[in-house]
PDB file of N, CA and C in Angstrom:
ATOM      1  N   MET A   1      47.721 194.458 120.866  1.00  0.00           N
ATOM      2  CA  MET A   1      49.160 194.572 120.843  1.00  0.00           C
ATOM      3  C   MET A   1      49.700 193.978 119.544  1.00  0.00           C
ATOM      4  N   ALA A   2      50.571 194.699 118.877  1.00  0.00           N
ATOM      5  CA  ALA A   2      51.120 194.261 117.596  1.00  0.00           C
ATOM      6  C   ALA A   2      52.088 193.091 117.795  1.00  0.00           C
ATOM      7  N   GLU A   3      52.057 192.178 116.848  1.00  0.00           N
ATOM      8  CA  GLU A   3      52.972 191.034 116.873  1.00  0.00           C
ATOM      9  C   GLU A   3      54.375 191.495 116.463  1.00  0.00           C
ATOM     10  N   ILE A   4      55.376 190.973 117.119  1.00  0.00           N
ATOM     11  CA  ILE A   4      56.770 191.340 116.827  1.00  0.00           C
ATOM     12  C   ILE A   4      57.329 190.383 115.777  1.00  0.00           C
ATOM     13  N   PRO A   5      57.992 190.915 114.735  1.00  0.00           N
ATOM     14  CA  PRO A   5      58.565 190.043 113.705  1.00  0.00           C
ATOM     15  C   PRO A   5      59.679 189.150 114.258  1.00  0.00           C
ATOM     16  N   HIS A   6      59.800 187.980 113.663  1.00  0.00           N
ATOM     17  CA  HIS A   6      60.892 187.057 113.961  1.00  0.00           C
ATOM     18  C   HIS A   6      62.053 187.250 112.984  1.00  0.00           C
ATOM     19  N   LEU A   7      61.735 187.716 111.775  1.00  0.00           N
ATOM     20  CA  LEU A   7      62.704 187.757 110.683  1.00  0.00           C
ATOM     21  C   LEU A   7      62.556 189.066 109.919  1.00  0.00           C
ATOM     22  N   LEU A   8      63.678 189.707 109.617  1.00  0.00           N
ATOM     23  CA  LEU A   8      63.663 190.909 108.784  1.00  0.00           C
ATOM     24  C   LEU A   8      64.291 190.603 107.432  1.00  0.00           C
ATOM     25  N   VAL A   9      63.624 191.079 106.397  1.00  0.00           N
ATOM     26  CA  VAL A   9      64.092 190.979 105.019  1.00  0.00           C
ATOM     27  C   VAL A   9      64.184 192.409 104.522  1.00  0.00           C
ATOM     28  N   HIS A  10      65.292 192.786 103.927  1.00  0.00           N
ATOM     29  CA  HIS A  10      65.496 194.187 103.574  1.00  0.00           C
ATOM     30  C   HIS A  10      64.814 194.595 102.268  1.00  0.00           C
ATOM     31  N   GLU A  11      64.953 193.788 101.231  1.00  0.00           N
ATOM     32  CA  GLU A  11      64.425 194.120  99.901  1.00  0.00           C
ATOM     33  C   GLU A  11      63.553 192.972  99.390  1.00  0.00           C
ATOM     34  N   HIS A  12      62.621 193.274  98.514  1.00  0.00           N
ATOM     35  CA  HIS A  12      61.750 192.237  97.944  1.00  0.00           C
ATOM     36  C   HIS A  12      62.523 191.179  97.175  1.00  0.00           C
ATOM     37  N   ASP A  13      63.665 191.532  96.596  1.00  0.00           N
ATOM     38  CA  ASP A  13      64.450 190.568  95.824  1.00  0.00           C
ATOM     39  C   ASP A  13      65.392 189.734  96.683  1.00  0.00           C
ATOM     40  N   ASP A  14      65.494 190.019  97.984  1.00  0.00           N
ATOM     41  CA  ASP A  14      66.346 189.218  98.865  1.00  0.00           C
ATOM     42  C   ASP A  14      65.816 187.793  98.941  1.00  0.00           C
ATOM     43  N   ASN A  15      66.725 186.828  99.078  1.00  0.00           N
ATOM     44  CA  ASN A  15      66.293 185.439  99.230  1.00  0.00           C
ATOM     45  C   ASN A  15      66.729 184.845 100.569  1.00  0.00           C
ATOM     46  N   VAL A  16      67.265 185.696 101.459  1.00  0.00           N
ATOM     47  CA  VAL A  16      67.521 185.336 102.848  1.00  0.00           C
ATOM     48  C   VAL A  16      67.049 186.481 103.736  1.00  0.00           C
ATOM     49  N   GLY A  17      66.674 186.135 104.962  1.00  0.00           N
ATOM     50  CA  GLY A  17      66.292 187.138 105.948  1.00  0.00           C
ATOM     51  C   GLY A  17      67.087 186.910 107.222  1.00  0.00           C
ATOM     52  N   VAL A  18      67.058 187.885 108.128  1.00  0.00           N
ATOM     53  CA  VAL A  18      67.844 187.839 109.363  1.00  0.00           C
ATOM     54  C   VAL A  18      66.926 187.646 110.575  1.00  0.00           C
ATOM     55  N   VAL A  19      67.261 186.676 111.403  1.00  0.00           N
ATOM     56  CA  VAL A  19      66.517 186.403 112.633  1.00  0.00           C
ATOM     57  C   VAL A  19      66.762 187.538 113.629  1.00  0.00           C
ATOM     58  N   VAL A  20      65.683 188.071 114.197  1.00  0.00           N
ATOM     59  CA  VAL A  20      65.797 189.200 115.123  1.00  0.00           C
ATOM     60  C   VAL A  20      65.205 188.893 116.500  1.00  0.00           C
ATOM     61  N   VAL A  21      65.063 187.604 116.819  1.00  0.00           N
ATOM     62  CA  VAL A  21      64.601 187.169 118.140  1.00  0.00           C
ATOM     63  C   VAL A  21      65.588 186.135 118.685  1.00  0.00           C
ATOM     64  N   GLU A  22      65.665 186.040 120.006  1.00  0.00           N
ATOM     65  CA  GLU A  22      66.518 185.039 120.653  1.00  0.00           C
ATOM     66  C   GLU A  22      65.903 183.648 120.523  1.00  0.00           C
ATOM     67  N   ASP A  23      66.760 182.668 120.314  1.00  0.00           N
ATOM     68  CA  ASP A  23      66.368 181.250 120.398  1.00  0.00           C
ATOM     69  C   ASP A  23      65.211 180.850 119.493  1.00  0.00           C
ATOM     70  N   LEU A  24      65.273 181.224 118.218  1.00  0.00           N
ATOM     71  CA  LEU A  24      64.258 180.783 117.259  1.00  0.00           C
ATOM     72  C   LEU A  24      64.328 179.262 117.126  1.00  0.00           C
ATOM     73  N   LYS A  25      63.227 178.600 117.294  1.00  0.00           N
ATOM     74  CA  LYS A  25      63.163 177.140 117.272  1.00  0.00           C
ATOM     75  C   LYS A  25      62.581 176.626 115.963  1.00  0.00           C
ATOM     76  N   ALA A  26      63.051 175.442 115.561  1.00  0.00           N
ATOM     77  CA  ALA A  26      62.486 174.755 114.401  1.00  0.00           C
ATOM     78  C   ALA A  26      60.990 174.595 114.610  1.00  0.00           C
ATOM     79  N   GLY A  27      60.232 174.796 113.555  1.00  0.00           N
ATOM     80  CA  GLY A  27      58.784 174.668 113.612  1.00  0.00           C
ATOM     81  C   GLY A  27      58.059 175.967 113.895  1.00  0.00           C
ATOM     82  N   THR A  28      58.802 177.035 114.220  1.00  0.00           N
ATOM     83  CA  THR A  28      58.172 178.323 114.491  1.00  0.00           C
ATOM     84  C   THR A  28      57.580 178.897 113.210  1.00  0.00           C
ATOM     85  N   GLU A  29      56.327 179.324 113.284  1.00  0.00           N
ATOM     86  CA  GLU A  29      55.684 180.033 112.183  1.00  0.00           C
ATOM     87  C   GLU A  29      56.089 181.496 112.334  1.00  0.00           C
ATOM     88  N   MET A  30      57.104 181.916 111.593  1.00  0.00           N
ATOM     89  CA  MET A  30      57.692 183.243 111.749  1.00  0.00           C
ATOM     90  C   MET A  30      56.865 184.321 111.065  1.00  0.00           C
ATOM     91  N   LEU A  31      56.757 185.469 111.722  1.00  0.00           N
ATOM     92  CA  LEU A  31      56.271 186.680 111.079  1.00  0.00           C
ATOM     93  C   LEU A  31      57.506 187.342 110.477  1.00  0.00           C
ATOM     94  N   CYS A  32      57.490 187.575 109.183  1.00  0.00           N
ATOM     95  CA  CYS A  32      58.621 188.139 108.456  1.00  0.00           C
ATOM     96  C   CYS A  32      58.218 189.511 107.924  1.00  0.00           C
ATOM     97  N   CYS A  33      59.089 190.490 108.094  1.00  0.00           N
ATOM     98  CA  CYS A  33      58.808 191.853 107.663  1.00  0.00           C
ATOM     99  C   CYS A  33      59.825 192.287 106.617  1.00  0.00           C
ATOM    100  N   ILE A  34      59.327 192.774 105.479  1.00  0.00           N
ATOM    101  CA  ILE A  34      60.196 193.355 104.453  1.00  0.00           C
ATOM    102  C   ILE A  34      60.317 194.837 104.770  1.00  0.00           C
ATOM    103  N   THR A  35      61.511 195.251 105.176  1.00  0.00           N
ATOM    104  CA  THR A  35      61.691 196.617 105.684  1.00  0.00           C
ATOM    105  C   THR A  35      61.579 197.681 104.600  1.00  0.00           C
ATOM    106  N   ALA A  36      61.722 197.304 103.332  1.00  0.00           N
ATOM    107  CA  ALA A  36      61.611 198.278 102.241  1.00  0.00           C
ATOM    108  C   ALA A  36      60.243 198.966 102.241  1.00  0.00           C
ATOM    109  N   ASP A  37      59.187 198.214 102.648  1.00  0.00           N
ATOM    110  CA  ASP A  37      57.842 198.801 102.641  1.00  0.00           C
ATOM    111  C   ASP A  37      56.970 198.338 103.820  1.00  0.00           C
ATOM    112  N   ASN A  38      57.595 197.657 104.776  1.00  0.00           N
ATOM    113  CA  ASN A  38      56.905 197.137 105.965  1.00  0.00           C
ATOM    114  C   ASN A  38      55.824 196.112 105.654  1.00  0.00           C
ATOM    115  N   SER A  39      55.881 195.491 104.480  1.00  0.00           N
ATOM    116  CA  SER A  39      54.952 194.401 104.191  1.00  0.00           C
ATOM    117  C   SER A  39      55.397 193.162 104.980  1.00  0.00           C
ATOM    118  N   THR A  40      54.482 192.219 105.170  1.00  0.00           N
ATOM    119  CA  THR A  40      54.800 191.030 105.957  1.00  0.00           C
ATOM    120  C   THR A  40      54.376 189.763 105.228  1.00  0.00           C
ATOM    121  N   PHE A  41      54.950 188.657 105.647  1.00  0.00           N
ATOM    122  CA  PHE A  41      54.566 187.327 105.186  1.00  0.00           C
ATOM    123  C   PHE A  41      54.933 186.340 106.278  1.00  0.00           C
ATOM    124  N   ARG A  42      54.494 185.122 106.145  1.00  0.00           N
ATOM    125  CA  ARG A  42      54.776 184.063 107.123  1.00  0.00           C
ATOM    126  C   ARG A  42      55.668 183.001 106.478  1.00  0.00           C
ATOM    127  N   LEU A  43      56.529 182.430 107.307  1.00  0.00           N
ATOM    128  CA  LEU A  43      57.433 181.368 106.855  1.00  0.00           C
ATOM    129  C   LEU A  43      57.738 180.486 108.049  1.00  0.00           C
ATOM    130  N   LYS A  44      57.692 179.186 107.865  1.00  0.00           N
ATOM    131  CA  LYS A  44      58.000 178.251 108.941  1.00  0.00           C
ATOM    132  C   LYS A  44      59.497 177.971 108.968  1.00  0.00           C
ATOM    133  N   SER A  45      60.101 178.120 110.143  1.00  0.00           N
ATOM    134  CA  SER A  45      61.512 177.784 110.326  1.00  0.00           C
ATOM    135  C   SER A  45      61.641 176.270 110.418  1.00  0.00           C
ATOM    136  N   ASN A  46      62.566 175.690 109.661  1.00  0.00           N
ATOM    137  CA  ASN A  46      62.765 174.245 109.786  1.00  0.00           C
ATOM    138  C   ASN A  46      64.055 173.921 110.535  1.00  0.00           C
ATOM    139  N   SER A  47      64.647 174.942 111.162  1.00  0.00           N
ATOM    140  CA  SER A  47      65.876 174.779 111.944  1.00  0.00           C
ATOM    141  C   SER A  47      65.812 175.692 113.162  1.00  0.00           C
ATOM    142  N   ASP A  48      66.577 175.337 114.207  1.00  0.00           N
ATOM    143  CA  ASP A  48      66.853 176.290 115.276  1.00  0.00           C
ATOM    144  C   ASP A  48      67.858 177.280 114.696  1.00  0.00           C
ATOM    145  N   VAL A  49      67.609 178.577 114.846  1.00  0.00           N
ATOM    146  CA  VAL A  49      68.489 179.593 114.257  1.00  0.00           C
ATOM    147  C   VAL A  49      68.780 180.672 115.294  1.00  0.00           C
ATOM    148  N   PRO A  50      70.069 180.935 115.554  1.00  0.00           N
ATOM    149  CA  PRO A  50      70.413 181.991 116.521  1.00  0.00           C
ATOM    150  C   PRO A  50      70.084 183.384 115.990  1.00  0.00           C
ATOM    151  N   ILE A  51      69.872 184.302 116.902  1.00  0.00           N
ATOM    152  CA  ILE A  51      69.646 185.695 116.537  1.00  0.00           C
ATOM    153  C   ILE A  51      70.824 186.198 115.689  1.00  0.00           C
ATOM    154  N   GLY A  52      70.521 186.977 114.661  1.00  0.00           N
ATOM    155  CA  GLY A  52      71.543 187.539 113.783  1.00  0.00           C
ATOM    156  C   GLY A  52      71.942 186.637 112.625  1.00  0.00           C
ATOM    157  N   HIS A  53      71.509 185.373 112.652  1.00  0.00           N
ATOM    158  CA  HIS A  53      71.814 184.462 111.551  1.00  0.00           C
ATOM    159  C   HIS A  53      70.702 184.543 110.506  1.00  0.00           C
ATOM    160  N   LYS A  54      70.953 183.948 109.350  1.00  0.00           N
ATOM    161  CA  LYS A  54      70.034 184.061 108.226  1.00  0.00           C
ATOM    162  C   LYS A  54      69.174 182.811 108.061  1.00  0.00           C
ATOM    163  N   VAL A  55      68.018 183.015 107.417  1.00  0.00           N
ATOM    164  CA  VAL A  55      67.092 181.942 107.078  1.00  0.00           C
ATOM    165  C   VAL A  55      66.822 182.023 105.575  1.00  0.00           C
ATOM    166  N   ALA A  56      66.783 180.858 104.934  1.00  0.00           N
ATOM    167  CA  ALA A  56      66.494 180.772 103.495  1.00  0.00           C
ATOM    168  C   ALA A  56      65.021 181.062 103.228  1.00  0.00           C
ATOM    169  N   LEU A  57      64.756 181.957 102.294  1.00  0.00           N
ATOM    170  CA  LEU A  57      63.381 182.284 101.910  1.00  0.00           C
ATOM    171  C   LEU A  57      62.903 181.421 100.747  1.00  0.00           C
ATOM    172  N   LYS A  58      63.797 180.585 100.225  1.00  0.00           N
ATOM    173  CA  LYS A  58      63.482 179.687  99.111  1.00  0.00           C
ATOM    174  C   LYS A  58      64.388 178.472  99.242  1.00  0.00           C
ATOM    175  N   ASP A  59      64.121 177.438  98.463  1.00  0.00           N
ATOM    176  CA  ASP A  59      65.036 176.302  98.401  1.00  0.00           C
ATOM    177  C   ASP A  59      66.277 176.731  97.629  1.00  0.00           C
ATOM    178  N   PHE A  60      67.438 176.367  98.149  1.00  0.00           N
ATOM    179  CA  PHE A  60      68.708 176.652  97.486  1.00  0.00           C
ATOM    180  C   PHE A  60      69.387 175.355  97.077  1.00  0.00           C
ATOM    181  N   LYS A  61      70.083 175.402  95.965  1.00  0.00           N
ATOM    182  CA  LYS A  61      70.976 174.325  95.525  1.00  0.00           C
ATOM    183  C   LYS A  61      72.403 174.842  95.617  1.00  0.00           C
ATOM    184  N   ALA A  62      73.341 173.942  95.847  1.00  0.00           N
ATOM    185  CA  ALA A  62      74.752 174.328  95.869  1.00  0.00           C
ATOM    186  C   ALA A  62      75.070 175.066  94.570  1.00  0.00           C
ATOM    187  N   GLY A  63      75.752 176.202  94.690  1.00  0.00           N
ATOM    188  CA  GLY A  63      76.085 177.029  93.534  1.00  0.00           C
ATOM    189  C   GLY A  63      75.193 178.240  93.388  1.00  0.00           C
ATOM    190  N   ASP A  64      74.026 178.248  94.050  1.00  0.00           N
ATOM    191  CA  ASP A  64      73.135 179.408  93.997  1.00  0.00           C
ATOM    192  C   ASP A  64      73.766 180.600  94.718  1.00  0.00           C
ATOM    193  N   THR A  65      73.219 181.776  94.480  1.00  0.00           N
ATOM    194  CA  THR A  65      73.701 183.009  95.099  1.00  0.00           C
ATOM    195  C   THR A  65      72.713 183.472  96.160  1.00  0.00           C
ATOM    196  N   ALA A  66      73.231 183.837  97.332  1.00  0.00           N
ATOM    197  CA  ALA A  66      72.409 184.406  98.400  1.00  0.00           C
ATOM    198  C   ALA A  66      72.361 185.918  98.215  1.00  0.00           C
ATOM    199  N   ILE A  67      71.158 186.487  98.329  1.00  0.00           N
ATOM    200  CA  ILE A  67      70.950 187.928  98.163  1.00  0.00           C
ATOM    201  C   ILE A  67      70.394 188.503  99.470  1.00  0.00           C
ATOM    202  N   LYS A  68      71.077 189.521  99.994  1.00  0.00           N
ATOM    203  CA  LYS A  68      70.654 190.239 101.201  1.00  0.00           C
ATOM    204  C   LYS A  68      70.956 191.709 100.970  1.00  0.00           C
ATOM    205  N   TYR A  69      70.086 192.600 101.427  1.00  0.00           N
ATOM    206  CA  TYR A  69      70.206 194.049 101.163  1.00  0.00           C
ATOM    207  C   TYR A  69      70.198 194.324  99.658  1.00  0.00           C
ATOM    208  N   GLY A  70      69.621 193.425  98.871  1.00  0.00           N
ATOM    209  CA  GLY A  70      69.625 193.573  97.423  1.00  0.00           C
ATOM    210  C   GLY A  70      70.973 193.284  96.795  1.00  0.00           C
ATOM    211  N   GLU A  71      71.914 192.729  97.570  1.00  0.00           N
ATOM    212  CA  GLU A  71      73.285 192.490  97.115  1.00  0.00           C
ATOM    213  C   GLU A  71      73.654 191.016  97.215  1.00  0.00           C
ATOM    214  N   ASP A  72      74.547 190.580  96.349  1.00  0.00           N
ATOM    215  CA  ASP A  72      75.128 189.247  96.387  1.00  0.00           C
ATOM    216  C   ASP A  72      76.016 189.149  97.629  1.00  0.00           C
ATOM    217  N   ILE A  73      75.669 188.267  98.568  1.00  0.00           N
ATOM    218  CA  ILE A  73      76.494 188.116  99.767  1.00  0.00           C
ATOM    219  C   ILE A  73      77.296 186.819  99.769  1.00  0.00           C
ATOM    220  N   GLY A  74      77.141 185.984  98.737  1.00  0.00           N
ATOM    221  CA  GLY A  74      77.942 184.772  98.681  1.00  0.00           C
ATOM    222  C   GLY A  74      77.279 183.642  97.932  1.00  0.00           C
ATOM    223  N   LYS A  75      78.035 182.538  97.878  1.00  0.00           N
ATOM    224  CA  LYS A  75      77.611 181.342  97.141  1.00  0.00           C
ATOM    225  C   LYS A  75      77.169 180.264  98.132  1.00  0.00           C
ATOM    226  N   ILE A  76      76.045 179.670  97.842  1.00  0.00           N
ATOM    227  CA  ILE A  76      75.553 178.538  98.619  1.00  0.00           C
ATOM    228  C   ILE A  76      76.425 177.325  98.270  1.00  0.00           C
ATOM    229  N   ILE A  77      76.953 176.643  99.302  1.00  0.00           N
ATOM    230  CA  ILE A  77      77.853 175.504  99.054  1.00  0.00           C
ATOM    231  C   ILE A  77      77.221 174.158  99.409  1.00  0.00           C
ATOM    232  N   ALA A  78      76.013 174.176  99.958  1.00  0.00           N
ATOM    233  CA  ALA A  78      75.266 172.951 100.254  1.00  0.00           C
ATOM    234  C   ALA A  78      73.783 173.271 100.108  1.00  0.00           C
ATOM    235  N   ASP A  79      73.009 172.304  99.659  1.00  0.00           N
ATOM    236  CA  ASP A  79      71.572 172.518  99.494  1.00  0.00           C
ATOM    237  C   ASP A  79      70.946 172.964 100.821  1.00  0.00           C
ATOM    238  N   ILE A  80      69.983 173.878 100.739  1.00  0.00           N
ATOM    239  CA  ILE A  80      69.265 174.379 101.909  1.00  0.00           C
ATOM    240  C   ILE A  80      67.785 174.420 101.569  1.00  0.00           C
ATOM    241  N   GLU A  81      66.954 173.878 102.455  1.00  0.00           N
ATOM    242  CA  GLU A  81      65.511 173.959 102.256  1.00  0.00           C
ATOM    243  C   GLU A  81      64.989 175.312 102.694  1.00  0.00           C
ATOM    244  N   LYS A  82      63.924 175.757 102.061  1.00  0.00           N
ATOM    245  CA  LYS A  82      63.227 176.978 102.471  1.00  0.00           C
ATOM    246  C   LYS A  82      62.950 176.894 103.972  1.00  0.00           C
ATOM    247  N   GLY A  83      63.278 177.959 104.704  1.00  0.00           N
ATOM    248  CA  GLY A  83      63.109 177.969 106.147  1.00  0.00           C
ATOM    249  C   GLY A  83      64.323 177.481 106.907  1.00  0.00           C
ATOM    250  N   GLY A  84      65.381 177.087 106.177  1.00  0.00           N
ATOM    251  CA  GLY A  84      66.589 176.548 106.797  1.00  0.00           C
ATOM    252  C   GLY A  84      67.597 177.610 107.208  1.00  0.00           C
ATOM    253  N   HIS A  85      68.495 177.214 108.089  1.00  0.00           N
ATOM    254  CA  HIS A  85      69.561 178.067 108.622  1.00  0.00           C
ATOM    255  C   HIS A  85      70.620 178.293 107.533  1.00  0.00           C
ATOM    256  N   VAL A  86      70.954 179.551 107.276  1.00  0.00           N
ATOM    257  CA  VAL A  86      71.988 179.925 106.304  1.00  0.00           C
ATOM    258  C   VAL A  86      73.116 180.582 107.086  1.00  0.00           C
ATOM    259  N   HIS A  87      74.304 179.972 107.039  1.00  0.00           N
ATOM    260  CA  HIS A  87      75.459 180.516 107.766  1.00  0.00           C
ATOM    261  C   HIS A  87      76.727 179.943 107.145  1.00  0.00           C
ATOM    262  N   THR A  88      77.832 180.055 107.834  1.00  0.00           N
ATOM    263  CA  THR A  88      79.130 179.689 107.255  1.00  0.00           C
ATOM    264  C   THR A  88      79.254 178.206 106.910  1.00  0.00           C
ATOM    265  N   HIS A  89      78.397 177.360 107.443  1.00  0.00           N
ATOM    266  CA  HIS A  89      78.442 175.937 107.112  1.00  0.00           C
ATOM    267  C   HIS A  89      77.859 175.644 105.731  1.00  0.00           C
ATOM    268  N   ASN A  90      77.103 176.589 105.155  1.00  0.00           N
ATOM    269  CA  ASN A  90      76.515 176.351 103.836  1.00  0.00           C
ATOM    270  C   ASN A  90      76.537 177.578 102.927  1.00  0.00           C
ATOM    271  N   LEU A  91      77.246 178.634 103.341  1.00  0.00           N
ATOM    272  CA  LEU A  91      77.371 179.864 102.552  1.00  0.00           C
ATOM    273  C   LEU A  91      78.807 180.372 102.652  1.00  0.00           C
ATOM    274  N   LYS A  92      79.406 180.644 101.523  1.00  0.00           N
ATOM    275  CA  LYS A  92      80.769 181.180 101.491  1.00  0.00           C
ATOM    276  C   LYS A  92      80.821 182.432 100.639  1.00  0.00           C
ATOM    277  N   THR A  93      81.652 183.371 101.061  1.00  0.00           N
ATOM    278  CA  THR A  93      81.857 184.581 100.281  1.00  0.00           C
ATOM    279  C   THR A  93      82.478 184.225  98.927  1.00  0.00           C
ATOM    280  N   LYS A  94      82.241 185.055  97.936  1.00  0.00           N
ATOM    281  CA  LYS A  94      82.857 184.858  96.618  1.00  0.00           C
ATOM    282  C   LYS A  94      84.157 185.668  96.504  1.00  0.00           C
ATOM    283  N   ARG A  95      84.511 186.382  97.561  1.00  0.00           N
ATOM    284  CA  ARG A  95      85.683 187.252  97.507  1.00  0.00           C
ATOM    285  C   ARG A  95      86.998 186.484  97.499  1.00  0.00           C
ATOM    286  N   TRP A  96      87.026 185.306  98.147  1.00  0.00           N
ATOM    287  CA  TRP A  96      88.279 184.555  98.222  1.00  0.00           C
ATOM    288  C   TRP A  96      88.156 183.225  97.574  1.00  0.00           C
TER     289      TRP A  96
END
């Protein structure tokens, strides 16, 4: 039986992925799938992350740009460790 991914990443250049399972717990060794070519990699979650929220694929510093779908989705406003929860508490749109 094939293993089900925990995290989807759309493009190879993305630096965040989206949780696609309920109740992802800190310490989970996630199976991550890049949907552009169905390649996979592993990443440990260092936070509990709700389904539909994002996870950092790299360490971020405040001021960095988050990339999803190959697009700039906003500015990181607080440092985030690789595997950390990315959401409105540490990511803001650049539109306003």
